[in-house]
Amino acid sequence: MANRHFGEIGDVWKHLALSEILSIELPDHYWESHAGSADYLLTHSPPRDYGVYYFMTHCTLSPDLAESQYYLSLFKLFNRDEILYPGSPYIAMSILRKINASFIFCDLDQESLDSIELWAKDFQIPNSLLSLKKQDGINIIMEETQRVDVQPGNVFVFIDPYDPFQRNSHQNSSVELFYHCALKGLKAVLWYGFESLSIHQHFVNSMEKILHPIENLFTKNTVRRMEIIPEVITLGKFDHSGSYIGSGMMCCNLSSQCYAACKEKGMALAKIYREAILPDNRSGALRLNIQSITTEKNCVL
């Protein structure tokens, strides 16, 4: 299994925002560096009870969430004999097949690629528009950006690694891939998780340092980070077991409409989690944080 944290709170925020972004941007080309599976067999566990199961139980209290593309994907897969959870490839194909977009999915796990291929057939996506790469996605995407026929505004790159700073055999990392996409003018999102405020601050400082050399190339608020932070993280040490972590997305070259939609959905998500309780009876409340990382730093929306 390529993603053992499917259906947890990090996935809920990731896929809620991704669904909104793709529905608004409607890119002609969707490239994913660490695709994972198109679907996952959903079973109960404490992290998933706090994540997708809590969301499905409470989201109908919020019109913003009940009408979201993410809820629509979940609803379709919940109403089956075997309840499935949609991965990012499922979400991307379900939204972008309507405009005949092309797809590149990279993953080192063959079973994940097989699941994508099955859903592509179900969505009637022709083979000519689907490329499955059992290779290092960082290198593949970097190579794709060099194509002379690539129009940056028509490409969306989703980067979803376990460790954004881990280097591959070519000494490239997911963070550097994001930098590369930003410099090329591609629309891109880099997902990251953090289990403490110190880890979170280290990530933010490192990203600002990496992006600083090209900061003057960006217009106001072009690069932003959008985060959901469980309040329990702010209370110091706790037994997180890697399951109740905060998560965020570093985004570049998206429209202001995208950021406004994600803010709306993020605020609605935080609202339904106000009364959430973790298994150890502590508060499961969430805090939304959307900030610019260039030009006007710490500009909270």
C-alpha atoms as a PDB file:
ATOM      1  CA  MET A   1       0.000   0.000   0.000  1.00  0.00           C
ATOM      2  CA  ALA A   2       1.542   3.291  -1.102  1.00  0.00           C
ATOM      3  CA  ASN A   3      -0.260   5.491   1.429  1.00  0.00           C
ATOM      4  CA  ARG A   4      -0.819   4.008   4.880  1.00  0.00           C
ATOM      5  CA  HIS A   5      -2.350   7.269   6.147  1.00  0.00           C
ATOM      6  CA  PHE A   6      -5.316   7.300   3.770  1.00  0.00           C
ATOM      7  CA  GLY A   7      -8.521   8.708   5.191  1.00  0.00           C
ATOM      8  CA  GLU A   8      -6.785  10.466   8.095  1.00  0.00           C
ATOM      9  CA  ILE A   9      -7.186  14.181   8.787  1.00  0.00           C
ATOM     10  CA  GLY A  10      -4.201  15.063   6.574  1.00  0.00           C
ATOM     11  CA  ASP A  11      -5.882  13.339   3.631  1.00  0.00           C
ATOM     12  CA  VAL A  12      -9.192  15.043   4.347  1.00  0.00           C
ATOM     13  CA  TRP A  13      -7.662  18.516   4.101  1.00  0.00           C
ATOM     14  CA  LYS A  14      -5.397  17.550   1.188  1.00  0.00           C
ATOM     15  CA  HIS A  15      -8.191  16.141  -0.939  1.00  0.00           C
ATOM     16  CA  LEU A  16     -10.784  18.734   0.051  1.00  0.00           C
ATOM     17  CA  ALA A  17      -8.486  21.508  -1.168  1.00  0.00           C
ATOM     18  CA  LEU A  18      -7.211  19.585  -4.198  1.00  0.00           C
ATOM     19  CA  SER A  19     -10.774  18.975  -5.392  1.00  0.00           C
ATOM     20  CA  GLU A  20     -11.561  22.690  -5.222  1.00  0.00           C
ATOM     21  CA  ILE A  21      -8.333  23.701  -6.961  1.00  0.00           C
ATOM     22  CA  LEU A  22      -8.808  21.312  -9.884  1.00  0.00           C
ATOM     23  CA  SER A  23     -12.477  22.243 -10.299  1.00  0.00           C
ATOM     24  CA  ILE A  24     -11.503  25.904 -10.635  1.00  0.00           C
ATOM     25  CA  GLU A  25      -8.229  25.704 -12.561  1.00  0.00           C
ATOM     26  CA  LEU A  26      -9.291  22.861 -14.906  1.00  0.00           C
ATOM     27  CA  PRO A  27      -5.764  22.259 -16.230  1.00  0.00           C
ATOM     28  CA  ASP A  28      -5.268  20.486 -19.552  1.00  0.00           C
ATOM     29  CA  HIS A  29      -2.430  18.403 -18.082  1.00  0.00           C
ATOM     30  CA  TYR A  30      -2.256  16.827 -14.625  1.00  0.00           C
ATOM     31  CA  TRP A  31       1.093  15.419 -13.437  1.00  0.00           C
ATOM     32  CA  GLU A  32       1.572  13.638 -10.110  1.00  0.00           C
ATOM     33  CA  SER A  33       4.982  12.681  -8.730  1.00  0.00           C
ATOM     34  CA  HIS A  34       3.935  10.323  -5.884  1.00  0.00           C
ATOM     35  CA  ALA A  35       0.518   9.124  -6.995  1.00  0.00           C
ATOM     36  CA  GLY A  36      -0.373   6.297  -4.626  1.00  0.00           C
ATOM     37  CA  SER A  37      -3.524   4.295  -5.324  1.00  0.00           C
ATOM     38  CA  ALA A  38      -6.690   5.567  -6.950  1.00  0.00           C
ATOM     39  CA  ASP A  39      -8.731   4.025  -4.131  1.00  0.00           C
ATOM     40  CA  TYR A  40      -8.307   2.364  -0.734  1.00  0.00           C
ATOM     41  CA  LEU A  41     -10.545  -0.120   1.039  1.00  0.00           C
ATOM     42  CA  LEU A  42     -11.881   1.892   3.951  1.00  0.00           C
ATOM     43  CA  THR A  43     -12.054   0.382   7.423  1.00  0.00           C
ATOM     44  CA  HIS A  44     -12.399   1.936  10.844  1.00  0.00           C
ATOM     45  CA  SER A  45      -9.395   2.987  12.910  1.00  0.00           C
ATOM     46  CA  PRO A  46      -9.003   5.815  15.456  1.00  0.00           C
ATOM     47  CA  PRO A  47      -7.206   8.108  12.952  1.00  0.00           C
ATOM     48  CA  ARG A  48      -9.762   7.445  10.196  1.00  0.00           C
ATOM     49  CA  ASP A  49     -12.644   7.828  12.656  1.00  0.00           C
ATOM     50  CA  TYR A  50     -11.236  11.283  13.436  1.00  0.00           C
ATOM     51  CA  GLY A  51     -10.603  11.889   9.731  1.00  0.00           C
ATOM     52  CA  VAL A  52     -12.906  10.799   6.926  1.00  0.00           C
ATOM     53  CA  TYR A  53     -15.589   9.138   9.083  1.00  0.00           C
ATOM     54  CA  TYR A  54     -15.959  12.248  11.243  1.00  0.00           C
ATOM     55  CA  PHE A  55     -16.078  14.370   8.106  1.00  0.00           C
ATOM     56  CA  MET A  56     -18.808  12.260   6.511  1.00  0.00           C
ATOM     57  CA  THR A  57     -20.869  12.292   9.710  1.00  0.00           C
ATOM     58  CA  HIS A  58     -20.690  16.066  10.197  1.00  0.00           C
ATOM     59  CA  CYS A  59     -20.127  17.663   6.791  1.00  0.00           C
ATOM     60  CA  THR A  60     -23.829  17.831   5.944  1.00  0.00           C
ATOM     61  CA  LEU A  61     -24.126  20.431   8.721  1.00  0.00           C
ATOM     62  CA  SER A  62     -22.151  22.770   6.461  1.00  0.00           C
ATOM     63  CA  PRO A  63     -23.483  23.737   2.999  1.00  0.00           C
ATOM     64  CA  ASP A  64     -19.924  24.627   1.934  1.00  0.00           C
ATOM     65  CA  LEU A  65     -18.757  21.070   2.637  1.00  0.00           C
ATOM     66  CA  ALA A  66     -21.906  19.218   1.599  1.00  0.00           C
ATOM     67  CA  GLU A  67     -21.666  20.825  -1.855  1.00  0.00           C
ATOM     68  CA  SER A  68     -17.926  20.272  -2.238  1.00  0.00           C
ATOM     69  CA  GLN A  69     -16.349  18.139  -4.957  1.00  0.00           C
ATOM     70  CA  TYR A  70     -14.597  16.151  -2.244  1.00  0.00           C
ATOM     71  CA  TYR A  71     -17.868  15.181  -0.572  1.00  0.00           C
ATOM     72  CA  LEU A  72     -19.254  14.169  -3.967  1.00  0.00           C
ATOM     73  CA  SER A  73     -16.319  11.791  -4.496  1.00  0.00           C
ATOM     74  CA  LEU A  74     -16.683  10.341  -1.007  1.00  0.00           C
ATOM     75  CA  PHE A  75     -20.447   9.905  -1.358  1.00  0.00           C
ATOM     76  CA  LYS A  76     -20.064   7.900  -4.556  1.00  0.00           C
ATOM     77  CA  LEU A  77     -17.540   5.517  -3.023  1.00  0.00           C
ATOM     78  CA  PHE A  78     -19.305   5.206   0.339  1.00  0.00           C
ATOM     79  CA  ASN A  79     -22.413   3.845  -1.350  1.00  0.00           C
ATOM     80  CA  ARG A  80     -20.885   0.516  -2.346  1.00  0.00           C
ATOM     81  CA  ASP A  81     -20.782  -2.975  -0.885  1.00  0.00           C
ATOM     82  CA  GLU A  82     -17.112  -2.312  -0.112  1.00  0.00           C
ATOM     83  CA  ILE A  83     -16.584   1.253   1.059  1.00  0.00           C
ATOM     84  CA  LEU A  84     -13.649   2.867  -0.705  1.00  0.00           C
ATOM     85  CA  TYR A  85     -11.654   6.003  -0.030  1.00  0.00           C
ATOM     86  CA  PRO A  86     -10.655   8.083  -3.089  1.00  0.00           C
ATOM     87  CA  GLY A  87      -6.975   8.822  -3.590  1.00  0.00           C
ATOM     88  CA  SER A  88      -5.750  11.870  -5.461  1.00  0.00           C
ATOM     89  CA  PRO A  89      -5.630  10.039  -8.845  1.00  0.00           C
ATOM     90  CA  TYR A  90      -9.338   9.190  -8.518  1.00  0.00           C
ATOM     91  CA  ILE A  91     -10.168  12.793  -7.624  1.00  0.00           C
ATOM     92  CA  ALA A  92      -8.118  14.201 -10.495  1.00  0.00           C
ATOM     93  CA  MET A  93      -9.535  11.832 -13.109  1.00  0.00           C
ATOM     94  CA  SER A  94     -13.132  12.242 -11.924  1.00  0.00           C
ATOM     95  CA  ILE A  95     -12.919  16.031 -12.310  1.00  0.00           C
ATOM     96  CA  LEU A  96     -10.639  16.491 -15.320  1.00  0.00           C
ATOM     97  CA  ARG A  97     -11.951  13.718 -17.573  1.00  0.00           C
ATOM     98  CA  LYS A  98     -14.792  16.099 -18.450  1.00  0.00           C
ATOM     99  CA  ILE A  99     -12.352  18.375 -20.312  1.00  0.00           C
ATOM    100  CA  ASN A 100     -10.298  15.537 -21.856  1.00  0.00           C
ATOM    101  CA  ALA A 101      -7.220  16.385 -19.823  1.00  0.00           C
ATOM    102  CA  SER A 102      -4.099  14.247 -20.075  1.00  0.00           C
ATOM    103  CA  PHE A 103      -2.531  12.568 -17.043  1.00  0.00           C
ATOM    104  CA  ILE A 104       0.908  11.465 -15.893  1.00  0.00           C
ATOM    105  CA  PHE A 105       0.963   9.382 -12.706  1.00  0.00           C
ATOM    106  CA  CYS A 106       4.280   8.270 -11.195  1.00  0.00           C
ATOM    107  CA  ASP A 107       4.759   5.738  -8.417  1.00  0.00           C
ATOM    108  CA  LEU A 108       7.194   2.952  -7.586  1.00  0.00           C
ATOM    109  CA  ASP A 109       4.346   0.687  -6.399  1.00  0.00           C
ATOM    110  CA  GLN A 110       2.858  -1.382  -9.242  1.00  0.00           C
ATOM    111  CA  GLU A 111      -0.401  -2.129  -7.411  1.00  0.00           C
ATOM    112  CA  SER A 112      -1.040   1.597  -7.094  1.00  0.00           C
ATOM    113  CA  LEU A 113      -0.517   2.105 -10.808  1.00  0.00           C
ATOM    114  CA  ASP A 114      -2.792  -0.860 -11.560  1.00  0.00           C
ATOM    115  CA  SER A 115      -5.595   0.707  -9.524  1.00  0.00           C
ATOM    116  CA  ILE A 116      -5.202   3.960 -11.449  1.00  0.00           C
ATOM    117  CA  GLU A 117      -5.413   2.092 -14.743  1.00  0.00           C
ATOM    118  CA  LEU A 118      -8.629   0.350 -13.666  1.00  0.00           C
ATOM    119  CA  TRP A 119     -10.329   3.608 -12.693  1.00  0.00           C
ATOM    120  CA  ALA A 120      -9.104   5.292 -15.874  1.00  0.00           C
ATOM    121  CA  LYS A 121     -10.989   2.631 -17.836  1.00  0.00           C
ATOM    122  CA  ASP A 122     -14.052   3.174 -15.655  1.00  0.00           C
ATOM    123  CA  PHE A 123     -13.845   6.918 -16.349  1.00  0.00           C
ATOM    124  CA  GLN A 124     -13.395   6.125 -20.077  1.00  0.00           C
ATOM    125  CA  ILE A 125     -10.073   7.954 -20.263  1.00  0.00           C
ATOM    126  CA  PRO A 126      -8.329   6.845 -23.490  1.00  0.00           C
ATOM    127  CA  ASN A 127      -4.845   5.356 -23.301  1.00  0.00           C
ATOM    128  CA  SER A 128      -3.542   8.252 -25.361  1.00  0.00           C
ATOM    129  CA  LEU A 129      -4.298  10.601 -22.457  1.00  0.00           C
ATOM    130  CA  LEU A 130      -2.929   8.374 -19.683  1.00  0.00           C
ATOM    131  CA  SER A 131       0.723   7.781 -18.840  1.00  0.00           C
ATOM    132  CA  LEU A 132       1.651   5.520 -15.908  1.00  0.00           C
ATOM    133  CA  LYS A 133       5.311   5.617 -14.861  1.00  0.00           C
ATOM    134  CA  LYS A 134       6.835   3.103 -12.465  1.00  0.00           C
ATOM    135  CA  GLN A 135       9.778   5.416 -11.969  1.00  0.00           C
ATOM    136  CA  ASP A 136      10.970   8.199  -9.708  1.00  0.00           C
ATOM    137  CA  GLY A 137       8.342  10.882 -10.128  1.00  0.00           C
ATOM    138  CA  ILE A 138      10.614  13.814  -9.323  1.00  0.00           C
ATOM    139  CA  ASN A 139      12.876  13.104 -12.291  1.00  0.00           C
ATOM    140  CA  ILE A 140       9.961  12.295 -14.618  1.00  0.00           C
ATOM    141  CA  ILE A 141       8.148  15.570 -13.872  1.00  0.00           C
ATOM    142  CA  MET A 142      11.327  17.627 -14.199  1.00  0.00           C
ATOM    143  CA  GLU A 143      11.908  16.071 -17.613  1.00  0.00           C
ATOM    144  CA  GLU A 144       8.319  16.751 -18.675  1.00  0.00           C
ATOM    145  CA  THR A 145       8.693  20.460 -17.876  1.00  0.00           C
ATOM    146  CA  GLN A 146      11.451  20.680 -20.495  1.00  0.00           C
ATOM    147  CA  ARG A 147       9.126  19.762 -23.359  1.00  0.00           C
ATOM    148  CA  VAL A 148       8.923  22.567 -25.878  1.00  0.00           C
ATOM    149  CA  ASP A 149       5.160  22.171 -26.282  1.00  0.00           C
ATOM    150  CA  VAL A 150       4.397  22.653 -22.578  1.00  0.00           C
ATOM    151  CA  GLN A 151       2.331  25.749 -21.817  1.00  0.00           C
ATOM    152  CA  PRO A 152       2.898  26.440 -18.094  1.00  0.00           C
ATOM    153  CA  GLY A 153      -0.577  27.832 -17.428  1.00  0.00           C
ATOM    154  CA  ASN A 154      -2.186  24.608 -18.664  1.00  0.00           C
ATOM    155  CA  VAL A 155      -0.224  22.258 -16.388  1.00  0.00           C
ATOM    156  CA  PHE A 156      -0.927  21.297 -12.788  1.00  0.00           C
ATOM    157  CA  VAL A 157       1.685  19.369 -10.777  1.00  0.00           C
ATOM    158  CA  PHE A 158       0.789  17.605  -7.529  1.00  0.00           C
ATOM    159  CA  ILE A 159       3.730  16.622  -5.317  1.00  0.00           C
ATOM    160  CA  ASP A 160       2.819  14.387  -2.373  1.00  0.00           C
ATOM    161  CA  PRO A 161       5.912  12.753  -0.791  1.00  0.00           C
ATOM    162  CA  TYR A 162       6.432  11.286   2.672  1.00  0.00           C
ATOM    163  CA  ASP A 163       9.513  13.471   3.114  1.00  0.00           C
ATOM    164  CA  PRO A 164       9.637  16.683   1.033  1.00  0.00           C
ATOM    165  CA  PHE A 165      13.393  17.091   1.594  1.00  0.00           C
ATOM    166  CA  GLN A 166      14.488  13.510   0.811  1.00  0.00           C
ATOM    167  CA  ARG A 167      16.822  13.388  -2.183  1.00  0.00           C
ATOM    168  CA  ASN A 168      16.601  10.772  -4.924  1.00  0.00           C
ATOM    169  CA  SER A 169      19.436   9.144  -6.877  1.00  0.00           C
ATOM    170  CA  HIS A 170      19.836  12.348  -8.910  1.00  0.00           C
ATOM    171  CA  GLN A 171      20.094  14.387  -5.689  1.00  0.00           C
ATOM    172  CA  ASN A 172      16.763  16.097  -6.347  1.00  0.00           C
ATOM    173  CA  SER A 173      14.034  16.465  -3.720  1.00  0.00           C
ATOM    174  CA  SER A 174      10.295  17.182  -3.828  1.00  0.00           C
ATOM    175  CA  VAL A 175      10.975  20.664  -2.485  1.00  0.00           C
ATOM    176  CA  GLU A 176      13.343  21.306  -5.379  1.00  0.00           C
ATOM    177  CA  LEU A 177      10.741  19.994  -7.808  1.00  0.00           C
ATOM    178  CA  PHE A 178       8.276  22.526  -6.391  1.00  0.00           C
ATOM    179  CA  TYR A 179      10.911  25.285  -6.769  1.00  0.00           C
ATOM    180  CA  HIS A 180      11.458  24.174 -10.365  1.00  0.00           C
ATOM    181  CA  CYS A 181       7.721  24.254 -11.140  1.00  0.00           C
ATOM    182  CA  ALA A 182       7.358  27.677  -9.531  1.00  0.00           C
ATOM    183  CA  LEU A 183      10.239  29.045 -11.589  1.00  0.00           C
ATOM    184  CA  LYS A 184       8.727  27.596 -14.778  1.00  0.00           C
ATOM    185  CA  GLY A 185       5.357  29.204 -14.051  1.00  0.00           C
ATOM    186  CA  LEU A 186       3.518  25.891 -13.630  1.00  0.00           C
ATOM    187  CA  LYS A 187       0.617  25.554 -11.236  1.00  0.00           C
ATOM    188  CA  ALA A 188       1.872  23.292  -8.448  1.00  0.00           C
ATOM    189  CA  VAL A 189       1.032  22.032  -4.977  1.00  0.00           C
ATOM    190  CA  LEU A 190       3.455  20.406  -2.528  1.00  0.00           C
ATOM    191  CA  TRP A 191       1.828  18.553   0.393  1.00  0.00           C
ATOM    192  CA  TYR A 192       3.619  18.195   3.741  1.00  0.00           C
ATOM    193  CA  GLY A 193       2.826  16.950   7.218  1.00  0.00           C
ATOM    194  CA  PHE A 194       4.162  18.013  10.609  1.00  0.00           C
ATOM    195  CA  GLU A 195       3.738  16.535  14.072  1.00  0.00           C
ATOM    196  CA  SER A 196       4.987  19.473  16.138  1.00  0.00           C
ATOM    197  CA  LEU A 197       5.255  23.236  15.884  1.00  0.00           C
ATOM    198  CA  SER A 198       9.043  23.003  15.817  1.00  0.00           C
ATOM    199  CA  ILE A 199       8.959  20.699  12.778  1.00  0.00           C
ATOM    200  CA  HIS A 200       6.431  23.016  11.165  1.00  0.00           C
ATOM    201  CA  GLN A 201       8.634  26.065  11.716  1.00  0.00           C
ATOM    202  CA  HIS A 202      11.673  24.247  10.359  1.00  0.00           C
ATOM    203  CA  PHE A 203       9.768  23.418   7.175  1.00  0.00           C
ATOM    204  CA  VAL A 204       8.535  26.992   6.723  1.00  0.00           C
ATOM    205  CA  ASN A 205      11.993  28.481   7.321  1.00  0.00           C
ATOM    206  CA  SER A 206      13.584  26.015   4.911  1.00  0.00           C
ATOM    207  CA  MET A 207      11.024  26.725   2.202  1.00  0.00           C
ATOM    208  CA  GLU A 208      11.428  30.487   2.541  1.00  0.00           C
ATOM    209  CA  LYS A 209      15.200  30.092   2.236  1.00  0.00           C
ATOM    210  CA  ILE A 210      14.833  27.969  -0.908  1.00  0.00           C
ATOM    211  CA  LEU A 211      12.320  30.300  -2.545  1.00  0.00           C
ATOM    212  CA  HIS A 212      14.131  33.516  -1.624  1.00  0.00           C
ATOM    213  CA  PRO A 213      16.380  33.599  -4.757  1.00  0.00           C
ATOM    214  CA  ILE A 214      13.353  33.733  -7.065  1.00  0.00           C
ATOM    215  CA  GLU A 215      11.089  35.804  -4.820  1.00  0.00           C
ATOM    216  CA  ASN A 216      11.275  38.872  -7.053  1.00  0.00           C
ATOM    217  CA  LEU A 217       9.861  36.861  -9.941  1.00  0.00           C
ATOM    218  CA  PHE A 218       6.577  36.368  -8.134  1.00  0.00           C
ATOM    219  CA  THR A 219       3.674  38.747  -8.041  1.00  0.00           C
ATOM    220  CA  LYS A 220       2.043  39.493  -4.700  1.00  0.00           C
ATOM    221  CA  ASN A 221       0.916  36.360  -2.860  1.00  0.00           C
ATOM    222  CA  THR A 222       1.778  33.996  -5.738  1.00  0.00           C
ATOM    223  CA  VAL A 223       3.180  31.372  -3.359  1.00  0.00           C
ATOM    224  CA  ARG A 224       1.081  30.487  -0.348  1.00  0.00           C
ATOM    225  CA  ARG A 225       0.858  27.760   2.236  1.00  0.00           C
ATOM    226  CA  MET A 226      -2.511  26.479   3.380  1.00  0.00           C
ATOM    227  CA  GLU A 227      -2.528  24.480   6.596  1.00  0.00           C
ATOM    228  CA  ILE A 228      -4.813  22.682   8.982  1.00  0.00           C
ATOM    229  CA  ILE A 229      -3.305  22.500  12.477  1.00  0.00           C
ATOM    230  CA  PRO A 230      -4.895  20.297  15.174  1.00  0.00           C
ATOM    231  CA  GLU A 231      -4.866  22.379  18.342  1.00  0.00           C
ATOM    232  CA  VAL A 232      -3.438  19.432  20.299  1.00  0.00           C
ATOM    233  CA  ILE A 233      -0.124  20.072  18.511  1.00  0.00           C
ATOM    234  CA  THR A 234       0.104  23.455  20.195  1.00  0.00           C
ATOM    235  CA  LEU A 235      -0.068  21.844  23.650  1.00  0.00           C
ATOM    236  CA  GLY A 236       3.413  20.329  23.530  1.00  0.00           C
ATOM    237  CA  LYS A 237       4.307  16.652  23.563  1.00  0.00           C
ATOM    238  CA  PHE A 238       1.548  14.155  22.920  1.00  0.00           C
ATOM    239  CA  ASP A 239       1.173  10.601  21.659  1.00  0.00           C
ATOM    240  CA  HIS A 240       0.475  11.387  18.004  1.00  0.00           C
ATOM    241  CA  SER A 241       1.643   8.043  16.554  1.00  0.00           C
ATOM    242  CA  GLY A 242       1.959   9.874  13.236  1.00  0.00           C
ATOM    243  CA  SER A 243      -1.830   9.952  12.852  1.00  0.00           C
ATOM    244  CA  TYR A 244      -3.141  13.263  14.170  1.00  0.00           C
ATOM    245  CA  ILE A 245      -0.569  15.441  12.487  1.00  0.00           C
ATOM    246  CA  GLY A 246      -0.956  18.865  11.028  1.00  0.00           C
ATOM    247  CA  SER A 247      -0.777  19.139   7.273  1.00  0.00           C
ATOM    248  CA  GLY A 248      -0.360  21.787   4.679  1.00  0.00           C
ATOM    249  CA  MET A 249       0.096  22.536   1.017  1.00  0.00           C
ATOM    250  CA  MET A 250       2.630  24.879  -0.512  1.00  0.00           C
ATOM    251  CA  CYS A 251       0.977  26.321  -3.618  1.00  0.00           C
ATOM    252  CA  CYS A 252       2.284  28.396  -6.518  1.00  0.00           C
ATOM    253  CA  ASN A 253       0.790  30.151  -9.533  1.00  0.00           C
ATOM    254  CA  LEU A 254      -2.835  29.411  -8.603  1.00  0.00           C
ATOM    255  CA  SER A 255      -5.629  31.921  -9.108  1.00  0.00           C
ATOM    256  CA  SER A 256      -6.992  34.106  -6.336  1.00  0.00           C
ATOM    257  CA  GLN A 257     -10.300  32.292  -6.846  1.00  0.00           C
ATOM    258  CA  CYS A 258      -8.590  29.044  -5.816  1.00  0.00           C
ATOM    259  CA  TYR A 259      -7.247  30.512  -2.606  1.00  0.00           C
ATOM    260  CA  ALA A 260     -10.620  32.044  -1.768  1.00  0.00           C
ATOM    261  CA  ALA A 261     -12.374  28.691  -2.313  1.00  0.00           C
ATOM    262  CA  CYS A 262      -9.832  26.812  -0.202  1.00  0.00           C
ATOM    263  CA  LYS A 263     -10.152  29.381   2.568  1.00  0.00           C
ATOM    264  CA  GLU A 264     -13.929  28.953   2.512  1.00  0.00           C
ATOM    265  CA  LYS A 265     -13.713  25.155   2.673  1.00  0.00           C
ATOM    266  CA  GLY A 266     -10.950  25.249   5.288  1.00  0.00           C
ATOM    267  CA  MET A 267     -12.977  27.526   7.562  1.00  0.00           C
ATOM    268  CA  ALA A 268     -15.981  25.233   7.183  1.00  0.00           C
ATOM    269  CA  LEU A 269     -13.810  22.207   8.007  1.00  0.00           C
ATOM    270  CA  ALA A 270     -12.448  23.872  11.143  1.00  0.00           C
ATOM    271  CA  LYS A 271     -16.002  24.772  12.165  1.00  0.00           C
ATOM    272  CA  ILE A 272     -17.338  21.201  12.093  1.00  0.00           C
ATOM    273  CA  TYR A 273     -14.284  20.048  14.086  1.00  0.00           C
ATOM    274  CA  ARG A 274     -14.838  22.483  16.956  1.00  0.00           C
ATOM    275  CA  GLU A 275     -16.433  19.754  19.072  1.00  0.00           C
ATOM    276  CA  ALA A 276     -14.301  16.844  17.809  1.00  0.00           C
ATOM    277  CA  ILE A 277     -12.714  14.626  20.463  1.00  0.00           C
ATOM    278  CA  LEU A 278      -9.565  12.533  20.062  1.00  0.00           C
ATOM    279  CA  PRO A 279      -9.442   8.940  21.396  1.00  0.00           C
ATOM    280  CA  ASP A 280      -7.647  10.143  24.555  1.00  0.00           C
ATOM    281  CA  ASN A 281     -10.532  12.582  25.193  1.00  0.00           C
ATOM    282  CA  ARG A 282      -8.558  15.684  24.277  1.00  0.00           C
ATOM    283  CA  SER A 283      -9.928  18.278  21.883  1.00  0.00           C
ATOM    284  CA  GLY A 284      -9.691  17.490  18.199  1.00  0.00           C
ATOM    285  CA  ALA A 285     -10.369  21.079  17.150  1.00  0.00           C
ATOM    286  CA  LEU A 286      -8.558  22.402  14.073  1.00  0.00           C
ATOM    287  CA  ARG A 287      -7.065  25.759  13.157  1.00  0.00           C
ATOM    288  CA  LEU A 288      -6.837  27.046   9.583  1.00  0.00           C
ATOM    289  CA  ASN A 289      -3.714  28.921   8.533  1.00  0.00           C
ATOM    290  CA  ILE A 290      -3.342  30.431   5.048  1.00  0.00           C
ATOM    291  CA  GLN A 291      -0.336  32.665   4.504  1.00  0.00           C
ATOM    292  CA  SER A 292       1.785  34.150   1.769  1.00  0.00           C
ATOM    293  CA  ILE A 293       5.389  33.009   1.719  1.00  0.00           C
ATOM    294  CA  THR A 294       6.749  35.622  -0.687  1.00  0.00           C
ATOM    295  CA  THR A 295       6.666  39.380  -0.995  1.00  0.00           C
ATOM    296  CA  GLU A 296       4.346  39.964   1.967  1.00  0.00           C
ATOM    297  CA  LYS A 297       5.258  37.235   4.430  1.00  0.00           C
ATOM    298  CA  ASN A 298       2.842  36.182   7.140  1.00  0.00           C
ATOM    299  CA  CYS A 299      -0.067  37.800   5.381  1.00  0.00           C
ATOM    300  CA  VAL A 300      -2.924  35.851   6.945  1.00  0.00           C
ATOM    301  CA  LEU A 301      -6.026  35.656   4.784  1.00  0.00           C
END
